[in-house]
């Protein structure tokens, strides 16, 4: 039986999805599921968190899922303000 190499999970916080994929590949890991969620503190399009903690020892080729920010949740008030600003 062959011994498998283990890689360390890359820290993908504050990366765009493309950079996160590249960082995972450099760590001999693969991008798993990409989910989205709203965030008041993380800019739209940036990775909020990942399914494997940064620095965790995992098997080479492990899929690491990421959560990408949709930015702040739009409320009726902010959506109205955005459309008014676009009209000006």
C-alpha atoms as a PDB file:
ATOM      1  CA  UNK A   1       0.000   0.000   0.000  1.00  0.00           C
ATOM      2  CA  UNK A   2       1.362   3.402  -0.980  1.00  0.00           C
ATOM      3  CA  UNK A   3       1.690   6.213   1.515  1.00  0.00           C
ATOM      4  CA  UNK A   4      -0.269   9.277   0.518  1.00  0.00           C
ATOM      5  CA  UNK A   5       1.123  12.775   0.761  1.00  0.00           C
ATOM      6  CA  UNK A   6      -0.770  15.239   2.861  1.00  0.00           C
ATOM      7  CA  UNK A   7      -1.028  18.911   2.108  1.00  0.00           C
ATOM      8  CA  UNK A   8      -1.972  21.827   4.279  1.00  0.00           C
ATOM      9  CA  UNK A   9      -5.186  23.655   3.552  1.00  0.00           C
ATOM     10  CA  UNK A  10      -4.512  27.081   2.094  1.00  0.00           C
ATOM     11  CA  UNK A  11      -5.987  30.141   3.734  1.00  0.00           C
ATOM     12  CA  UNK A  12      -8.502  31.443   1.220  1.00  0.00           C
ATOM     13  CA  UNK A  13      -9.989  34.326   3.222  1.00  0.00           C
ATOM     14  CA  UNK A  14     -10.184  37.621   1.364  1.00  0.00           C
ATOM     15  CA  UNK A  15      -9.327  36.006  -1.965  1.00  0.00           C
ATOM     16  CA  UNK A  16     -11.485  36.181  -5.024  1.00  0.00           C
ATOM     17  CA  UNK A  17     -12.763  32.772  -6.097  1.00  0.00           C
ATOM     18  CA  UNK A  18     -10.184  32.476  -8.918  1.00  0.00           C
ATOM     19  CA  UNK A  19      -7.288  33.178  -6.556  1.00  0.00           C
ATOM     20  CA  UNK A  20      -8.700  30.726  -4.007  1.00  0.00           C
ATOM     21  CA  UNK A  21      -8.740  28.001  -6.689  1.00  0.00           C
ATOM     22  CA  UNK A  22      -5.107  28.800  -7.544  1.00  0.00           C
ATOM     23  CA  UNK A  23      -4.020  28.747  -3.882  1.00  0.00           C
ATOM     24  CA  UNK A  24      -5.748  25.408  -3.360  1.00  0.00           C
ATOM     25  CA  UNK A  25      -4.089  23.971  -6.469  1.00  0.00           C
ATOM     26  CA  UNK A  26      -0.689  25.145  -5.182  1.00  0.00           C
ATOM     27  CA  UNK A  27      -1.438  23.191  -1.984  1.00  0.00           C
ATOM     28  CA  UNK A  28      -2.354  20.065  -4.003  1.00  0.00           C
ATOM     29  CA  UNK A  29      -6.028  20.509  -3.126  1.00  0.00           C
ATOM     30  CA  UNK A  30      -9.057  21.084  -5.332  1.00  0.00           C
ATOM     31  CA  UNK A  31     -11.918  23.544  -5.227  1.00  0.00           C
ATOM     32  CA  UNK A  32     -15.087  21.863  -4.018  1.00  0.00           C
ATOM     33  CA  UNK A  33     -18.511  23.446  -3.793  1.00  0.00           C
ATOM     34  CA  UNK A  34     -18.824  27.205  -4.132  1.00  0.00           C
ATOM     35  CA  UNK A  35     -21.675  28.605  -2.073  1.00  0.00           C
ATOM     36  CA  UNK A  36     -22.727  32.209  -1.582  1.00  0.00           C
ATOM     37  CA  UNK A  37     -24.013  34.140   1.384  1.00  0.00           C
ATOM     38  CA  UNK A  38     -24.624  37.753   2.335  1.00  0.00           C
ATOM     39  CA  UNK A  39     -22.044  39.591   4.424  1.00  0.00           C
ATOM     40  CA  UNK A  40     -22.045  43.081   5.881  1.00  0.00           C
ATOM     41  CA  UNK A  41     -18.291  42.906   6.478  1.00  0.00           C
ATOM     42  CA  UNK A  42     -16.850  41.123   3.411  1.00  0.00           C
ATOM     43  CA  UNK A  43     -16.886  42.744  -0.023  1.00  0.00           C
ATOM     44  CA  UNK A  44     -18.947  41.113  -2.759  1.00  0.00           C
ATOM     45  CA  UNK A  45     -16.997  38.429  -4.615  1.00  0.00           C
ATOM     46  CA  UNK A  46     -14.462  37.699  -1.866  1.00  0.00           C
ATOM     47  CA  UNK A  47     -14.189  34.383  -0.033  1.00  0.00           C
ATOM     48  CA  UNK A  48     -15.719  34.584   3.437  1.00  0.00           C
ATOM     49  CA  UNK A  49     -14.712  31.154   4.711  1.00  0.00           C
ATOM     50  CA  UNK A  50     -13.863  27.635   3.629  1.00  0.00           C
ATOM     51  CA  UNK A  51     -15.013  24.156   4.641  1.00  0.00           C
ATOM     52  CA  UNK A  52     -11.549  23.024   5.793  1.00  0.00           C
ATOM     53  CA  UNK A  53      -9.784  25.168   8.383  1.00  0.00           C
ATOM     54  CA  UNK A  54      -6.637  26.934   7.236  1.00  0.00           C
ATOM     55  CA  UNK A  55      -3.528  24.947   8.137  1.00  0.00           C
ATOM     56  CA  UNK A  56      -5.426  21.672   8.632  1.00  0.00           C
ATOM     57  CA  UNK A  57      -3.575  18.587   7.429  1.00  0.00           C
ATOM     58  CA  UNK A  58      -5.629  16.850   4.772  1.00  0.00           C
ATOM     59  CA  UNK A  59      -5.018  14.259   2.083  1.00  0.00           C
ATOM     60  CA  UNK A  60      -3.654  15.518  -1.202  1.00  0.00           C
ATOM     61  CA  UNK A  61      -6.492  16.124  -3.655  1.00  0.00           C
ATOM     62  CA  UNK A  62      -9.034  16.916  -0.926  1.00  0.00           C
ATOM     63  CA  UNK A  63     -11.890  19.137  -2.107  1.00  0.00           C
ATOM     64  CA  UNK A  64     -12.244  22.366  -0.145  1.00  0.00           C
ATOM     65  CA  UNK A  65     -15.535  24.230  -0.435  1.00  0.00           C
ATOM     66  CA  UNK A  66     -15.682  28.007  -0.188  1.00  0.00           C
ATOM     67  CA  UNK A  67     -18.333  30.579   0.684  1.00  0.00           C
ATOM     68  CA  UNK A  68     -18.276  33.712  -1.464  1.00  0.00           C
ATOM     69  CA  UNK A  69     -19.772  37.005  -0.310  1.00  0.00           C
ATOM     70  CA  UNK A  70     -22.778  38.510  -2.040  1.00  0.00           C
ATOM     71  CA  UNK A  71     -22.080  41.727  -0.130  1.00  0.00           C
ATOM     72  CA  UNK A  72     -24.657  43.215   2.220  1.00  0.00           C
ATOM     73  CA  UNK A  73     -28.244  42.012   1.932  1.00  0.00           C
ATOM     74  CA  UNK A  74     -30.337  44.528   0.009  1.00  0.00           C
ATOM     75  CA  UNK A  75     -33.334  45.885   1.877  1.00  0.00           C
ATOM     76  CA  UNK A  76     -36.208  47.723   0.233  1.00  0.00           C
ATOM     77  CA  UNK A  77     -34.696  51.021   1.441  1.00  0.00           C
ATOM     78  CA  UNK A  78     -31.169  50.369   0.103  1.00  0.00           C
ATOM     79  CA  UNK A  79     -32.526  49.001  -3.187  1.00  0.00           C
ATOM     80  CA  UNK A  80     -34.607  52.180  -3.636  1.00  0.00           C
ATOM     81  CA  UNK A  81     -31.580  54.358  -2.859  1.00  0.00           C
ATOM     82  CA  UNK A  82     -29.447  52.428  -5.366  1.00  0.00           C
ATOM     83  CA  UNK A  83     -32.010  52.816  -8.165  1.00  0.00           C
ATOM     84  CA  UNK A  84     -32.435  56.547  -7.393  1.00  0.00           C
ATOM     85  CA  UNK A  85     -28.668  57.054  -7.578  1.00  0.00           C
ATOM     86  CA  UNK A  86     -28.563  55.224 -10.940  1.00  0.00           C
ATOM     87  CA  UNK A  87     -31.223  57.527 -12.374  1.00  0.00           C
ATOM     88  CA  UNK A  88     -29.291  60.713 -11.557  1.00  0.00           C
END
